[in-house]
Protein backbone atom coordinates (compact mmCIF):
# COMPACT_ATOMS: atom_id res chain seq x y z
CA UNK A 1 8.43 -12.55 -11.17
CA UNK A 2 7.63 -9.04 -10.04
CA UNK A 3 9.90 -7.43 -7.46
CA UNK A 4 8.56 -4.63 -5.29
CA UNK A 5 10.66 -2.08 -3.39
CA UNK A 6 9.14 0.39 -0.98
CA UNK A 7 10.26 3.87 0.01
CA UNK A 8 9.08 6.70 2.21
CA UNK A 9 8.47 5.39 5.70
CA UNK A 10 9.72 7.11 8.83
CA UNK A 11 8.78 8.96 11.99
CA UNK A 12 6.11 11.65 11.99
CA UNK A 13 4.03 13.46 14.61
CA UNK A 14 0.33 12.84 14.94
CA UNK A 15 -1.58 14.91 12.41
CA UNK A 16 1.30 14.84 9.95
CA UNK A 17 1.64 13.27 6.52
CA UNK A 18 3.82 10.73 4.75
CA UNK A 19 3.82 9.29 1.25
CA UNK A 20 4.87 5.71 0.63
CA UNK A 21 6.08 4.61 -2.78
CA UNK A 22 6.27 1.10 -4.17
CA UNK A 23 8.41 0.63 -7.28
CA UNK A 24 7.86 -2.50 -9.37
CA UNK A 25 10.50 -4.22 -11.48
CA UNK A 26 8.14 -4.25 -14.45
CA UNK A 27 5.08 -2.45 -15.69
CA UNK A 28 2.08 -3.47 -13.58
CA UNK A 29 -0.68 -1.12 -14.69
CA UNK A 30 -3.46 -2.77 -16.70
CA UNK A 31 -2.25 -6.21 -15.68
CA UNK A 32 -1.89 -6.40 -11.90
CA UNK A 33 -4.16 -5.32 -9.10
CA UNK A 34 -2.09 -4.01 -6.20
CA UNK A 35 -2.56 -3.09 -2.59
CA UNK A 36 -1.12 -1.81 0.66
CA UNK A 37 -1.21 -3.75 3.91
CA UNK A 38 0.18 -3.06 7.37
CA UNK A 39 1.17 -5.05 10.41
CA UNK A 40 1.59 -3.72 13.92
CA UNK A 41 3.48 -5.66 16.63
CA UNK A 42 1.44 -8.57 17.93
CA UNK A 43 -1.28 -8.09 15.31
CA UNK A 44 -2.18 -9.75 12.05
CA UNK A 45 -1.40 -8.14 8.73
CA UNK A 46 -4.37 -6.02 7.69
CA UNK A 47 -5.60 -4.51 4.46
CA UNK A 48 -5.17 -0.77 4.03
CA UNK A 49 -5.99 0.06 0.40
CA UNK A 50 -6.25 -1.55 -3.03
CA UNK A 51 -6.24 -0.46 -6.66
CA UNK A 52 -7.51 -2.38 -9.67
CA UNK A 53 -5.30 -3.52 -12.51
CA UNK A 54 -6.55 -0.72 -14.77
CA UNK A 55 -6.40 1.81 -11.92
CA UNK A 56 -10.06 2.66 -12.48
CA UNK A 57 -11.18 1.51 -9.06
CA UNK A 58 -9.80 1.89 -5.56
CA UNK A 59 -10.90 0.85 -2.11
CA UNK A 60 -9.74 1.82 1.37
CA UNK A 61 -10.21 0.23 4.77
CA UNK A 62 -12.72 2.02 6.97
CA UNK A 63 -9.96 2.86 9.44
CA UNK A 64 -8.12 4.99 6.86
CA UNK A 65 -10.94 6.19 4.62
CA UNK A 66 -10.78 9.93 4.10
CA UNK A 67 -7.19 10.11 5.36
CA UNK A 68 -5.21 7.76 3.05
CA UNK A 69 -5.24 7.68 -0.74
CA UNK A 70 -3.89 4.96 -3.00
CA UNK A 71 -2.78 5.81 -6.53
CA UNK A 72 -0.53 4.54 -9.30
CA UNK A 73 1.69 6.00 -12.02
CA UNK A 74 1.97 3.37 -14.74
CA UNK A 75 4.72 5.18 -16.60
CA UNK A 76 6.91 5.04 -13.50
CA UNK A 77 5.89 1.51 -12.44
CA UNK A 78 5.10 3.06 -9.08
CA UNK A 79 2.22 2.83 -6.65
CA UNK A 80 1.71 5.38 -3.88
CA UNK A 81 -0.02 5.63 -0.54
CA UNK A 82 -0.58 9.21 0.55
CA UNK A 83 -1.19 9.23 4.29
CA UNK A 84 -2.62 12.38 5.89
CA UNK A 85 -3.90 13.13 9.40
CA UNK A 86 -1.78 10.31 10.77
CA UNK A 87 -2.59 8.84 14.16
CA UNK A 88 -0.46 6.83 16.59
CA UNK A 89 -2.59 3.77 15.81
CA UNK A 90 -1.39 3.98 12.19
CA UNK A 91 2.10 2.96 13.36
CA UNK A 92 3.05 -0.31 11.70
CA UNK A 93 5.20 -1.92 9.05
CA UNK A 94 3.59 -1.14 5.71
CA UNK A 95 3.81 -3.59 2.82
CA UNK A 96 2.95 -3.17 -0.82
CA UNK A 97 1.72 -6.18 -2.73
CA UNK A 98 0.75 -7.23 -6.24
CA UNK A 99 -1.59 -9.93 -7.43
CA UNK A 100 -0.47 -12.36 -10.11
CA UNK A 101 -0.38 -11.30 -13.74
CA UNK A 102 -3.85 -10.99 -15.20
CA UNK A 103 -5.57 -10.66 -11.80
CA UNK A 104 -6.95 -7.15 -12.20
CA UNK A 105 -9.64 -7.21 -9.50
CA UNK A 106 -8.94 -5.65 -6.12
CA UNK A 107 -8.78 -7.79 -3.03
CA UNK A 108 -8.51 -7.15 0.71
CA UNK A 109 -7.23 -10.66 1.37
CA UNK A 110 -3.51 -11.28 1.82
CA UNK A 111 -3.73 -14.75 0.27
CA UNK A 112 -4.79 -13.20 -3.05
CA UNK A 113 -1.45 -11.43 -3.45
CA UNK A 114 1.52 -13.18 -5.04
CA UNK A 115 4.26 -10.60 -4.62
CA UNK A 116 5.27 -8.54 -1.60
CA UNK A 117 7.64 -5.71 -0.83
CA UNK A 118 10.12 -5.83 2.01
CA UNK A 119 8.06 -3.65 4.34
CA UNK A 120 8.63 -0.12 5.53
CA UNK A 121 8.27 1.15 9.09
CA UNK A 122 5.90 4.03 9.78
CA UNK A 123 5.88 5.43 13.31
CA UNK A 124 3.45 8.13 14.42
CA UNK A 125 4.25 9.83 17.70
CA UNK A 126 1.58 11.39 19.89
């Protein structure tokens, strides 16, 4: 069972940047598609970005396209979310997630992910 631990959240002013990291307990590149989701108070968890199992394809939600970038370093068992030009509406708890072993296709659906990190608060002040 894969364990995911997230780092890098915090408080930042609008227009600033943060980088989230998600460290997996085992090597996930080539075998697991992964993604980032977020959940704001009173709202459902929503898809932010995804990366394929072989890291050859990525996708980003329209709301973050051009501002956020998902990437992965297989040697470090780590996935990243670089967040630039942050806005107050980006404030949420951010979760990393991994699909089950062998599921290499990206997905924007929470039900497709088998493993989740503990969540990391990101707050953007205006």
